[in-house]
Amino acid sequence: MALRLSRLRALRAWVPVSMNVRLLMTNVTIQPLIEHANAIPNIAAWFYEEWREIYGEETRASVQQRIETWLTRNQIPTALAAVVEGQVIGTVALKESELQFPYSPWLAGLFVIPPLRRKGVGALLVSAAECEAASLGIKRLYLYTPNSLAFYESLGWLLVERCQLPSGSVAVMSKRLQPNHAIHSIRA
């Protein structure tokens, strides 16, 4: 419990104290992560703490190196950031492959700092990633999740299969992208 509380305190420290959560959604912008490369060490720390059991023997430094490969535009891999008042509060990525799964490409790295979860930021990031993927000509995306099946189903994702990983059971999901997703592309 102490580890969890200290992690939440560290994450909260990244959110400006003056931020009014009720006004959050009017102030969130989705931007290419490459525009916030200075935030990568913090993002790597968030990921490492959130998904440590999935990373297994990996180090925080190797997680950071992987995230740095997402610093591109208009291609895969790439990543997007949810930003409020200049601060990154969440991320999502598009990747070619994921673990041992045979499907491609993937929506991955969806993360919103805990104090701002369940406020619509995650859904906004997923929608933006879908738009970006459609603008790149991608017709179907995949993802896996250990515990957010209902969230993704609410966004139109469908269960493909359940798999057992060393860290536990996950649901593999997919979504067929419509060409009109690209109309709302967020390319810079």
N, C-alpha and C. Protein backbone atom coordinates (compact mmCIF):
# COMPACT_ATOMS: atom_id res chain seq x y z
N MET A 1 0.83 -1.20 0.00
CA MET A 1 0.00 0.00 0.00
C MET A 1 0.87 1.25 0.00
N ALA A 2 1.97 1.24 0.75
CA ALA A 2 2.84 2.41 0.80
C ALA A 2 3.43 2.70 -0.57
N LEU A 3 3.83 1.66 -1.31
CA LEU A 3 4.38 1.86 -2.66
C LEU A 3 3.33 2.53 -3.54
N ARG A 4 2.10 2.04 -3.47
CA ARG A 4 1.03 2.61 -4.28
C ARG A 4 0.81 4.09 -3.94
N LEU A 5 0.76 4.41 -2.64
CA LEU A 5 0.53 5.79 -2.23
C LEU A 5 1.69 6.68 -2.65
N SER A 6 2.92 6.20 -2.50
CA SER A 6 4.05 7.03 -2.90
C SER A 6 4.06 7.24 -4.40
N ARG A 7 3.65 6.22 -5.16
CA ARG A 7 3.60 6.37 -6.61
C ARG A 7 2.54 7.40 -6.99
N LEU A 8 1.39 7.36 -6.34
CA LEU A 8 0.34 8.34 -6.64
C LEU A 8 0.80 9.75 -6.29
N ARG A 9 1.50 9.90 -5.17
CA ARG A 9 2.01 11.22 -4.81
C ARG A 9 2.97 11.73 -5.89
N ALA A 10 3.84 10.85 -6.38
CA ALA A 10 4.79 11.24 -7.43
C ALA A 10 4.06 11.64 -8.70
N LEU A 11 3.02 10.92 -9.05
CA LEU A 11 2.27 11.24 -10.25
C LEU A 11 1.50 12.55 -10.07
N ARG A 12 0.92 12.75 -8.90
CA ARG A 12 0.18 13.99 -8.65
C ARG A 12 1.10 15.19 -8.73
N ALA A 13 2.37 15.00 -8.38
CA ALA A 13 3.31 16.10 -8.42
C ALA A 13 3.49 16.62 -9.84
N TRP A 14 3.14 15.82 -10.83
CA TRP A 14 3.30 16.23 -12.21
C TRP A 14 2.13 17.05 -12.71
N VAL A 15 1.06 17.13 -11.96
CA VAL A 15 -0.12 17.89 -12.37
C VAL A 15 -0.06 19.26 -11.69
N PRO A 16 -0.21 20.33 -12.46
CA PRO A 16 -0.20 21.66 -11.84
C PRO A 16 -1.25 21.76 -10.75
N VAL A 17 -0.87 22.31 -9.61
CA VAL A 17 -1.77 22.43 -8.47
C VAL A 17 -3.00 23.27 -8.83
N SER A 18 -2.83 24.23 -9.70
CA SER A 18 -3.93 25.13 -10.03
C SER A 18 -4.93 24.52 -11.01
N MET A 19 -4.66 23.32 -11.49
CA MET A 19 -5.53 22.74 -12.51
C MET A 19 -6.92 22.44 -11.93
N ASN A 20 -7.94 22.92 -12.58
CA ASN A 20 -9.31 22.67 -12.20
C ASN A 20 -9.79 21.46 -13.00
N VAL A 21 -10.00 20.33 -12.34
CA VAL A 21 -10.34 19.10 -13.03
C VAL A 21 -11.66 19.23 -13.79
N ARG A 22 -12.61 20.01 -13.31
CA ARG A 22 -13.87 20.17 -14.04
C ARG A 22 -13.67 20.85 -15.38
N LEU A 23 -12.67 21.68 -15.48
CA LEU A 23 -12.39 22.36 -16.74
C LEU A 23 -11.38 21.61 -17.60
N LEU A 24 -10.93 20.47 -17.10
CA LEU A 24 -9.87 19.72 -17.76
C LEU A 24 -10.16 19.45 -19.23
N MET A 25 -11.32 18.92 -19.54
CA MET A 25 -11.58 18.48 -20.91
C MET A 25 -11.58 19.64 -21.90
N THR A 26 -11.87 20.84 -21.47
CA THR A 26 -11.81 21.97 -22.40
C THR A 26 -10.38 22.43 -22.63
N ASN A 27 -9.46 22.00 -21.79
CA ASN A 27 -8.07 22.42 -21.89
C ASN A 27 -7.13 21.34 -22.41
N VAL A 28 -7.61 20.14 -22.64
CA VAL A 28 -6.75 19.05 -23.10
C VAL A 28 -6.52 19.19 -24.60
N THR A 29 -5.26 19.10 -24.98
CA THR A 29 -4.91 19.02 -26.40
C THR A 29 -4.15 17.72 -26.61
N ILE A 30 -4.32 17.15 -27.78
CA ILE A 30 -3.58 15.95 -28.15
C ILE A 30 -2.51 16.38 -29.15
N GLN A 31 -1.28 16.06 -28.81
CA GLN A 31 -0.14 16.50 -29.62
C GLN A 31 0.80 15.32 -29.85
N PRO A 32 1.60 15.36 -30.91
CA PRO A 32 2.61 14.32 -31.10
C PRO A 32 3.56 14.30 -29.90
N LEU A 33 3.87 13.12 -29.42
CA LEU A 33 4.77 13.01 -28.27
C LEU A 33 6.14 13.61 -28.58
N ILE A 34 6.54 13.59 -29.83
CA ILE A 34 7.83 14.16 -30.21
C ILE A 34 7.95 15.62 -29.78
N GLU A 35 6.84 16.32 -29.65
CA GLU A 35 6.86 17.71 -29.20
C GLU A 35 7.08 17.84 -27.69
N HIS A 36 7.08 16.69 -27.00
CA HIS A 36 7.27 16.68 -25.55
C HIS A 36 8.32 15.66 -25.16
N ALA A 37 9.37 15.57 -25.96
CA ALA A 37 10.43 14.59 -25.72
C ALA A 37 11.06 14.74 -24.34
N ASN A 38 11.04 15.94 -23.79
CA ASN A 38 11.60 16.15 -22.45
C ASN A 38 10.81 15.42 -21.36
N ALA A 39 9.60 15.00 -21.67
CA ALA A 39 8.77 14.28 -20.68
C ALA A 39 9.04 12.77 -20.67
N ILE A 40 9.85 12.29 -21.60
CA ILE A 40 10.06 10.85 -21.73
C ILE A 40 10.56 10.19 -20.44
N PRO A 41 11.51 10.75 -19.70
CA PRO A 41 11.92 10.09 -18.45
C PRO A 41 10.76 9.90 -17.47
N ASN A 42 9.90 10.90 -17.35
CA ASN A 42 8.74 10.76 -16.45
C ASN A 42 7.76 9.72 -16.98
N ILE A 43 7.53 9.74 -18.28
CA ILE A 43 6.60 8.76 -18.88
C ILE A 43 7.13 7.35 -18.68
N ALA A 44 8.43 7.16 -18.87
CA ALA A 44 9.04 5.84 -18.65
C ALA A 44 8.85 5.40 -17.20
N ALA A 45 8.99 6.31 -16.27
CA ALA A 45 8.77 5.97 -14.86
C ALA A 45 7.32 5.58 -14.62
N TRP A 46 6.38 6.32 -15.23
CA TRP A 46 4.95 5.96 -15.09
C TRP A 46 4.71 4.55 -15.62
N PHE A 47 5.19 4.29 -16.84
CA PHE A 47 4.97 2.99 -17.47
C PHE A 47 5.58 1.87 -16.62
N TYR A 48 6.81 2.09 -16.18
CA TYR A 48 7.51 1.06 -15.43
C TYR A 48 6.76 0.71 -14.15
N GLU A 49 6.25 1.70 -13.47
CA GLU A 49 5.48 1.44 -12.25
C GLU A 49 4.13 0.79 -12.55
N GLU A 50 3.47 1.26 -13.59
CA GLU A 50 2.12 0.77 -13.92
C GLU A 50 2.14 -0.68 -14.42
N TRP A 51 3.14 -1.00 -15.25
CA TRP A 51 3.15 -2.31 -15.92
C TRP A 51 4.40 -3.13 -15.60
N ARG A 52 4.95 -2.95 -14.41
CA ARG A 52 6.18 -3.64 -14.02
C ARG A 52 6.07 -5.15 -14.21
N GLU A 53 4.93 -5.74 -13.86
CA GLU A 53 4.79 -7.19 -13.98
C GLU A 53 4.83 -7.64 -15.44
N ILE A 54 4.39 -6.82 -16.36
CA ILE A 54 4.44 -7.16 -17.79
C ILE A 54 5.87 -7.02 -18.31
N TYR A 55 6.61 -6.04 -17.81
CA TYR A 55 7.98 -5.82 -18.27
C TYR A 55 8.95 -6.90 -17.81
N GLY A 56 8.60 -7.60 -16.75
CA GLY A 56 9.47 -8.68 -16.29
C GLY A 56 10.85 -8.18 -15.90
N GLU A 57 11.87 -8.66 -16.61
CA GLU A 57 13.27 -8.35 -16.29
C GLU A 57 13.73 -7.01 -16.85
N GLU A 58 12.90 -6.33 -17.62
CA GLU A 58 13.31 -5.06 -18.21
C GLU A 58 13.56 -4.01 -17.14
N THR A 59 14.39 -3.05 -17.47
CA THR A 59 14.68 -1.94 -16.57
C THR A 59 13.92 -0.71 -17.02
N ARG A 60 13.87 0.27 -16.16
CA ARG A 60 13.24 1.54 -16.53
C ARG A 60 13.98 2.16 -17.71
N ALA A 61 15.29 2.01 -17.75
CA ALA A 61 16.08 2.56 -18.86
C ALA A 61 15.68 1.91 -20.19
N SER A 62 15.44 0.60 -20.20
CA SER A 62 15.04 -0.06 -21.45
C SER A 62 13.63 0.35 -21.86
N VAL A 63 12.76 0.58 -20.89
CA VAL A 63 11.42 1.09 -21.19
C VAL A 63 11.54 2.47 -21.81
N GLN A 64 12.40 3.30 -21.25
CA GLN A 64 12.60 4.65 -21.80
C GLN A 64 13.14 4.58 -23.22
N GLN A 65 14.07 3.68 -23.49
CA GLN A 65 14.61 3.55 -24.84
C GLN A 65 13.52 3.16 -25.83
N ARG A 66 12.62 2.27 -25.42
CA ARG A 66 11.53 1.86 -26.30
C ARG A 66 10.60 3.04 -26.59
N ILE A 67 10.27 3.81 -25.57
CA ILE A 67 9.40 4.97 -25.76
C ILE A 67 10.06 5.97 -26.70
N GLU A 68 11.36 6.13 -26.59
CA GLU A 68 12.07 7.07 -27.47
C GLU A 68 11.95 6.68 -28.94
N THR A 69 11.74 5.40 -29.24
CA THR A 69 11.56 4.99 -30.64
C THR A 69 10.22 5.47 -31.20
N TRP A 70 9.31 5.89 -30.33
CA TRP A 70 8.00 6.38 -30.76
C TRP A 70 8.04 7.84 -31.16
N LEU A 71 9.16 8.49 -31.02
CA LEU A 71 9.27 9.93 -31.30
C LEU A 71 9.38 10.17 -32.80
N THR A 72 8.29 9.94 -33.50
CA THR A 72 8.23 10.12 -34.95
C THR A 72 6.91 10.79 -35.29
N ARG A 73 6.78 11.14 -36.55
CA ARG A 73 5.53 11.70 -37.07
C ARG A 73 5.13 10.93 -38.32
N ASN A 74 3.82 10.78 -38.50
CA ASN A 74 3.26 10.27 -39.75
C ASN A 74 3.78 8.89 -40.15
N GLN A 75 4.08 8.07 -39.18
CA GLN A 75 4.51 6.69 -39.43
C GLN A 75 4.34 5.89 -38.15
N ILE A 76 4.52 4.58 -38.27
CA ILE A 76 4.49 3.71 -37.10
C ILE A 76 5.91 3.21 -36.89
N PRO A 77 6.43 3.27 -35.68
CA PRO A 77 5.75 3.64 -34.44
C PRO A 77 5.62 5.16 -34.31
N THR A 78 4.65 5.53 -33.52
CA THR A 78 4.47 6.93 -33.16
C THR A 78 3.68 6.99 -31.86
N ALA A 79 3.67 8.14 -31.24
CA ALA A 79 2.91 8.29 -30.00
C ALA A 79 2.33 9.69 -29.91
N LEU A 80 1.27 9.77 -29.14
CA LEU A 80 0.56 11.03 -28.91
C LEU A 80 0.55 11.30 -27.41
N ALA A 81 0.44 12.57 -27.07
CA ALA A 81 0.38 12.97 -25.66
C ALA A 81 -0.85 13.83 -25.42
N ALA A 82 -1.51 13.60 -24.30
CA ALA A 82 -2.55 14.50 -23.83
C ALA A 82 -1.84 15.54 -22.97
N VAL A 83 -2.10 16.81 -23.27
CA VAL A 83 -1.36 17.90 -22.63
C VAL A 83 -2.35 18.92 -22.06
N VAL A 84 -2.10 19.34 -20.84
CA VAL A 84 -2.86 20.41 -20.20
C VAL A 84 -1.87 21.40 -19.61
N GLU A 85 -2.03 22.65 -19.95
CA GLU A 85 -1.17 23.72 -19.44
C GLU A 85 0.31 23.36 -19.60
N GLY A 86 0.65 22.77 -20.74
CA GLY A 86 2.04 22.44 -21.03
C GLY A 86 2.55 21.17 -20.39
N GLN A 87 1.71 20.49 -19.60
CA GLN A 87 2.12 19.28 -18.90
C GLN A 87 1.51 18.05 -19.57
N VAL A 88 2.33 17.03 -19.80
CA VAL A 88 1.82 15.76 -20.32
C VAL A 88 1.08 15.05 -19.19
N ILE A 89 -0.18 14.67 -19.49
CA ILE A 89 -0.98 13.98 -18.49
C ILE A 89 -1.37 12.57 -18.94
N GLY A 90 -1.02 12.23 -20.19
CA GLY A 90 -1.36 10.91 -20.69
C GLY A 90 -0.70 10.65 -22.03
N THR A 91 -0.67 9.38 -22.42
CA THR A 91 -0.05 8.98 -23.68
C THR A 91 -0.81 7.84 -24.33
N VAL A 92 -0.55 7.66 -25.62
CA VAL A 92 -1.00 6.49 -26.35
C VAL A 92 -0.03 6.33 -27.52
N ALA A 93 0.17 5.09 -27.97
CA ALA A 93 1.12 4.83 -29.05
C ALA A 93 0.51 3.91 -30.10
N LEU A 94 1.09 3.96 -31.28
CA LEU A 94 0.81 3.01 -32.35
C LEU A 94 2.12 2.28 -32.62
N LYS A 95 2.07 0.93 -32.63
CA LYS A 95 3.27 0.11 -32.80
C LYS A 95 3.00 -0.99 -33.82
N GLU A 96 4.06 -1.48 -34.44
CA GLU A 96 3.92 -2.59 -35.40
C GLU A 96 3.65 -3.91 -34.71
N SER A 97 4.32 -4.19 -33.60
CA SER A 97 4.18 -5.49 -32.96
C SER A 97 4.10 -5.34 -31.46
N GLU A 98 3.62 -6.40 -30.82
CA GLU A 98 3.45 -6.38 -29.38
C GLU A 98 3.67 -7.79 -28.84
N LEU A 99 4.66 -7.93 -27.98
CA LEU A 99 4.99 -9.21 -27.36
C LEU A 99 5.05 -10.31 -28.43
N GLN A 100 4.41 -11.45 -28.15
CA GLN A 100 4.48 -12.57 -29.09
C GLN A 100 3.25 -12.67 -29.99
N PHE A 101 2.38 -11.68 -29.99
CA PHE A 101 1.13 -11.77 -30.72
C PHE A 101 1.35 -11.66 -32.23
N PRO A 102 0.55 -12.39 -33.02
CA PRO A 102 0.73 -12.39 -34.48
C PRO A 102 0.04 -11.22 -35.20
N TYR A 103 -0.71 -10.41 -34.50
CA TYR A 103 -1.49 -9.35 -35.13
C TYR A 103 -0.65 -8.07 -35.30
N SER A 104 -1.14 -7.18 -36.17
CA SER A 104 -0.45 -5.91 -36.38
C SER A 104 -1.38 -4.97 -37.13
N PRO A 105 -1.26 -3.67 -36.86
CA PRO A 105 -0.50 -2.92 -35.85
C PRO A 105 -1.29 -2.81 -34.54
N TRP A 106 -0.64 -2.19 -33.55
CA TRP A 106 -1.16 -2.16 -32.19
C TRP A 106 -1.36 -0.75 -31.65
N LEU A 107 -2.42 -0.58 -30.89
CA LEU A 107 -2.60 0.56 -30.02
C LEU A 107 -1.98 0.12 -28.69
N ALA A 108 -1.09 0.92 -28.13
CA ALA A 108 -0.39 0.52 -26.90
C ALA A 108 -0.08 1.75 -26.07
N GLY A 109 0.40 1.50 -24.87
CA GLY A 109 0.87 2.60 -24.03
C GLY A 109 -0.18 3.61 -23.65
N LEU A 110 -1.45 3.19 -23.57
CA LEU A 110 -2.48 4.13 -23.12
C LEU A 110 -2.30 4.31 -21.62
N PHE A 111 -1.99 5.52 -21.25
CA PHE A 111 -1.75 5.83 -19.84
C PHE A 111 -2.25 7.23 -19.55
N VAL A 112 -2.99 7.37 -18.46
CA VAL A 112 -3.42 8.67 -17.95
C VAL A 112 -3.02 8.71 -16.48
N ILE A 113 -2.46 9.82 -16.04
CA ILE A 113 -2.04 9.89 -14.65
C ILE A 113 -3.26 9.64 -13.74
N PRO A 114 -3.07 8.88 -12.66
CA PRO A 114 -4.20 8.46 -11.82
C PRO A 114 -5.16 9.55 -11.36
N PRO A 115 -4.71 10.74 -10.96
CA PRO A 115 -5.69 11.74 -10.50
C PRO A 115 -6.65 12.19 -11.59
N LEU A 116 -6.30 11.95 -12.87
CA LEU A 116 -7.15 12.42 -13.96
C LEU A 116 -7.83 11.29 -14.72
N ARG A 117 -7.80 10.08 -14.17
CA ARG A 117 -8.49 8.97 -14.81
C ARG A 117 -10.00 9.11 -14.63
N ARG A 118 -10.72 8.49 -15.54
CA ARG A 118 -12.19 8.51 -15.53
C ARG A 118 -12.76 9.91 -15.75
N LYS A 119 -12.00 10.71 -16.50
CA LYS A 119 -12.44 12.07 -16.84
C LYS A 119 -12.57 12.23 -18.35
N GLY A 120 -12.38 11.16 -19.12
CA GLY A 120 -12.50 11.21 -20.57
C GLY A 120 -11.19 11.35 -21.32
N VAL A 121 -10.08 11.50 -20.61
CA VAL A 121 -8.79 11.68 -21.27
C VAL A 121 -8.37 10.41 -22.02
N GLY A 122 -8.56 9.26 -21.41
CA GLY A 122 -8.20 8.00 -22.07
C GLY A 122 -8.99 7.79 -23.35
N ALA A 123 -10.30 8.05 -23.30
CA ALA A 123 -11.13 7.90 -24.50
C ALA A 123 -10.70 8.88 -25.58
N LEU A 124 -10.33 10.09 -25.19
CA LEU A 124 -9.84 11.08 -26.14
C LEU A 124 -8.54 10.62 -26.80
N LEU A 125 -7.64 10.07 -26.02
CA LEU A 125 -6.38 9.55 -26.56
C LEU A 125 -6.62 8.39 -27.52
N VAL A 126 -7.51 7.46 -27.16
CA VAL A 126 -7.81 6.33 -28.04
C VAL A 126 -8.39 6.84 -29.35
N SER A 127 -9.33 7.75 -29.28
CA SER A 127 -9.93 8.30 -30.49
C SER A 127 -8.88 8.98 -31.37
N ALA A 128 -7.99 9.73 -30.76
CA ALA A 128 -6.93 10.41 -31.52
C ALA A 128 -6.01 9.39 -32.18
N ALA A 129 -5.68 8.31 -31.47
CA ALA A 129 -4.82 7.27 -32.05
C ALA A 129 -5.52 6.57 -33.21
N GLU A 130 -6.82 6.34 -33.08
CA GLU A 130 -7.59 5.75 -34.17
C GLU A 130 -7.56 6.66 -35.40
N CYS A 131 -7.73 7.94 -35.19
CA CYS A 131 -7.67 8.91 -36.30
C CYS A 131 -6.30 8.91 -36.95
N GLU A 132 -5.27 8.91 -36.15
CA GLU A 132 -3.91 8.89 -36.69
C GLU A 132 -3.68 7.62 -37.49
N ALA A 133 -4.10 6.48 -36.96
CA ALA A 133 -3.93 5.20 -37.67
C ALA A 133 -4.68 5.23 -39.00
N ALA A 134 -5.92 5.70 -38.99
CA ALA A 134 -6.70 5.77 -40.23
C ALA A 134 -6.03 6.68 -41.25
N SER A 135 -5.44 7.78 -40.78
CA SER A 135 -4.77 8.69 -41.70
C SER A 135 -3.53 8.06 -42.31
N LEU A 136 -3.00 7.03 -41.66
CA LEU A 136 -1.85 6.29 -42.18
C LEU A 136 -2.27 5.11 -43.05
N GLY A 137 -3.58 4.98 -43.28
CA GLY A 137 -4.09 3.90 -44.13
C GLY A 137 -4.35 2.59 -43.41
N ILE A 138 -4.30 2.60 -42.10
CA ILE A 138 -4.53 1.38 -41.32
C ILE A 138 -6.02 1.12 -41.24
N LYS A 139 -6.40 -0.11 -41.51
CA LYS A 139 -7.82 -0.47 -41.52
C LYS A 139 -8.27 -1.16 -40.23
N ARG A 140 -7.34 -1.76 -39.49
CA ARG A 140 -7.68 -2.45 -38.24
C ARG A 140 -6.54 -2.30 -37.25
N LEU A 141 -6.89 -2.02 -36.02
CA LEU A 141 -5.92 -1.93 -34.92
C LEU A 141 -6.19 -3.03 -33.91
N TYR A 142 -5.15 -3.40 -33.18
CA TYR A 142 -5.25 -4.38 -32.10
C TYR A 142 -4.71 -3.77 -30.82
N LEU A 143 -5.12 -4.33 -29.70
CA LEU A 143 -4.57 -3.97 -28.41
C LEU A 143 -4.72 -5.16 -27.49
N TYR A 144 -3.99 -5.13 -26.39
CA TYR A 144 -4.25 -6.11 -25.34
C TYR A 144 -4.36 -5.37 -24.02
N THR A 145 -5.18 -5.93 -23.15
CA THR A 145 -5.40 -5.31 -21.85
C THR A 145 -5.62 -6.38 -20.79
N PRO A 146 -4.98 -6.21 -19.63
CA PRO A 146 -5.23 -7.17 -18.56
C PRO A 146 -6.55 -6.91 -17.82
N ASN A 147 -7.00 -5.65 -17.79
CA ASN A 147 -8.16 -5.37 -16.94
C ASN A 147 -9.07 -4.24 -17.41
N SER A 148 -8.98 -3.83 -18.67
CA SER A 148 -9.81 -2.71 -19.13
C SER A 148 -10.73 -3.10 -20.29
N LEU A 149 -11.15 -4.33 -20.32
CA LEU A 149 -12.01 -4.84 -21.39
C LEU A 149 -13.27 -3.98 -21.55
N ALA A 150 -13.96 -3.69 -20.47
CA ALA A 150 -15.22 -2.93 -20.54
C ALA A 150 -14.98 -1.51 -21.09
N PHE A 151 -13.88 -0.89 -20.71
CA PHE A 151 -13.55 0.45 -21.22
C PHE A 151 -13.42 0.42 -22.73
N TYR A 152 -12.63 -0.51 -23.25
CA TYR A 152 -12.42 -0.58 -24.70
C TYR A 152 -13.70 -1.01 -25.43
N GLU A 153 -14.48 -1.91 -24.85
CA GLU A 153 -15.75 -2.29 -25.47
C GLU A 153 -16.65 -1.06 -25.60
N SER A 154 -16.63 -0.18 -24.62
CA SER A 154 -17.47 1.03 -24.68
C SER A 154 -17.03 1.96 -25.81
N LEU A 155 -15.81 1.76 -26.32
CA LEU A 155 -15.29 2.57 -27.42
C LEU A 155 -15.37 1.84 -28.76
N GLY A 156 -16.06 0.69 -28.77
CA GLY A 156 -16.28 -0.03 -30.02
C GLY A 156 -15.27 -1.12 -30.33
N TRP A 157 -14.38 -1.43 -29.41
CA TRP A 157 -13.40 -2.50 -29.62
C TRP A 157 -14.06 -3.84 -29.32
N LEU A 158 -13.63 -4.89 -30.07
CA LEU A 158 -14.20 -6.23 -29.92
C LEU A 158 -13.14 -7.21 -29.43
N LEU A 159 -13.57 -8.17 -28.61
CA LEU A 159 -12.67 -9.19 -28.11
C LEU A 159 -12.29 -10.15 -29.23
N VAL A 160 -10.99 -10.37 -29.43
CA VAL A 160 -10.48 -11.33 -30.40
C VAL A 160 -10.20 -12.65 -29.72
N GLU A 161 -9.48 -12.59 -28.59
CA GLU A 161 -9.15 -13.79 -27.83
C GLU A 161 -8.64 -13.40 -26.45
N ARG A 162 -8.63 -14.39 -25.58
CA ARG A 162 -8.01 -14.23 -24.27
C ARG A 162 -6.73 -15.06 -24.29
N CYS A 163 -5.67 -14.48 -23.75
CA CYS A 163 -4.37 -15.14 -23.76
C CYS A 163 -3.78 -15.13 -22.35
N GLN A 164 -2.92 -16.09 -22.11
CA GLN A 164 -2.21 -16.15 -20.85
C GLN A 164 -0.78 -15.70 -21.08
N LEU A 165 -0.36 -14.66 -20.39
CA LEU A 165 1.02 -14.19 -20.40
C LEU A 165 1.65 -14.59 -19.07
N PRO A 166 2.97 -14.55 -18.97
CA PRO A 166 3.59 -14.85 -17.67
C PRO A 166 3.07 -13.96 -16.55
N SER A 167 2.65 -12.74 -16.89
CA SER A 167 2.15 -11.81 -15.88
C SER A 167 0.67 -11.98 -15.58
N GLY A 168 -0.03 -12.84 -16.35
CA GLY A 168 -1.45 -13.05 -16.11
C GLY A 168 -2.25 -13.05 -17.41
N SER A 169 -3.55 -13.14 -17.27
CA SER A 169 -4.46 -13.21 -18.41
C SER A 169 -4.69 -11.83 -19.01
N VAL A 170 -4.76 -11.78 -20.35
CA VAL A 170 -5.05 -10.53 -21.05
C VAL A 170 -6.11 -10.79 -22.11
N ALA A 171 -6.83 -9.75 -22.45
CA ALA A 171 -7.79 -9.79 -23.56
C ALA A 171 -7.14 -9.11 -24.75
N VAL A 172 -7.12 -9.79 -25.89
CA VAL A 172 -6.67 -9.18 -27.13
C VAL A 172 -7.92 -8.68 -27.83
N MET A 173 -7.90 -7.43 -28.27
CA MET A 173 -9.07 -6.80 -28.86
C MET A 173 -8.69 -6.17 -30.20
N SER A 174 -9.70 -5.91 -31.02
CA SER A 174 -9.44 -5.23 -32.29
C SER A 174 -10.58 -4.26 -32.60
N LYS A 175 -10.26 -3.35 -33.50
CA LYS A 175 -11.27 -2.41 -33.97
C LYS A 175 -11.00 -2.13 -35.44
N ARG A 176 -12.05 -2.26 -36.23
CA ARG A 176 -11.97 -1.91 -37.65
C ARG A 176 -12.16 -0.40 -37.73
N LEU A 177 -11.21 0.25 -38.38
CA LEU A 177 -11.26 1.71 -38.49
C LEU A 177 -12.01 2.10 -39.74
N GLN A 178 -12.81 3.11 -39.61
CA GLN A 178 -13.56 3.64 -40.74
C GLN A 178 -12.72 4.70 -41.43
N PRO A 179 -12.84 4.82 -42.73
CA PRO A 179 -12.07 5.87 -43.43
C PRO A 179 -12.32 7.27 -42.89
N ASN A 180 -13.54 7.51 -42.37
CA ASN A 180 -13.84 8.85 -41.85
C ASN A 180 -13.11 9.16 -40.55
N HIS A 181 -12.47 8.14 -39.93
CA HIS A 181 -11.64 8.43 -38.76
C HIS A 181 -10.56 9.44 -39.13
N ALA A 182 -10.04 9.34 -40.35
CA ALA A 182 -8.93 10.20 -40.76
C ALA A 182 -9.34 11.66 -40.93
N ILE A 183 -10.62 11.91 -41.10
CA ILE A 183 -11.09 13.30 -41.25
C ILE A 183 -10.69 14.14 -40.06
N HIS A 184 -10.65 13.51 -38.89
CA HIS A 184 -10.34 14.23 -37.66
C HIS A 184 -8.89 14.04 -37.24
N SER A 185 -8.04 13.72 -38.19
CA SER A 185 -6.64 13.48 -37.88
C SER A 185 -6.02 14.67 -37.16
N ILE A 186 -5.11 14.36 -36.27
CA ILE A 186 -4.48 15.41 -35.48
C ILE A 186 -3.05 15.69 -35.91
N ARG A 187 -2.71 15.32 -37.10
CA ARG A 187 -1.32 15.55 -37.57
C ARG A 187 -0.95 17.00 -37.44
N ALA A 188 0.30 17.19 -37.04
CA ALA A 188 0.80 18.57 -36.91
C ALA A 188 1.38 19.03 -38.23
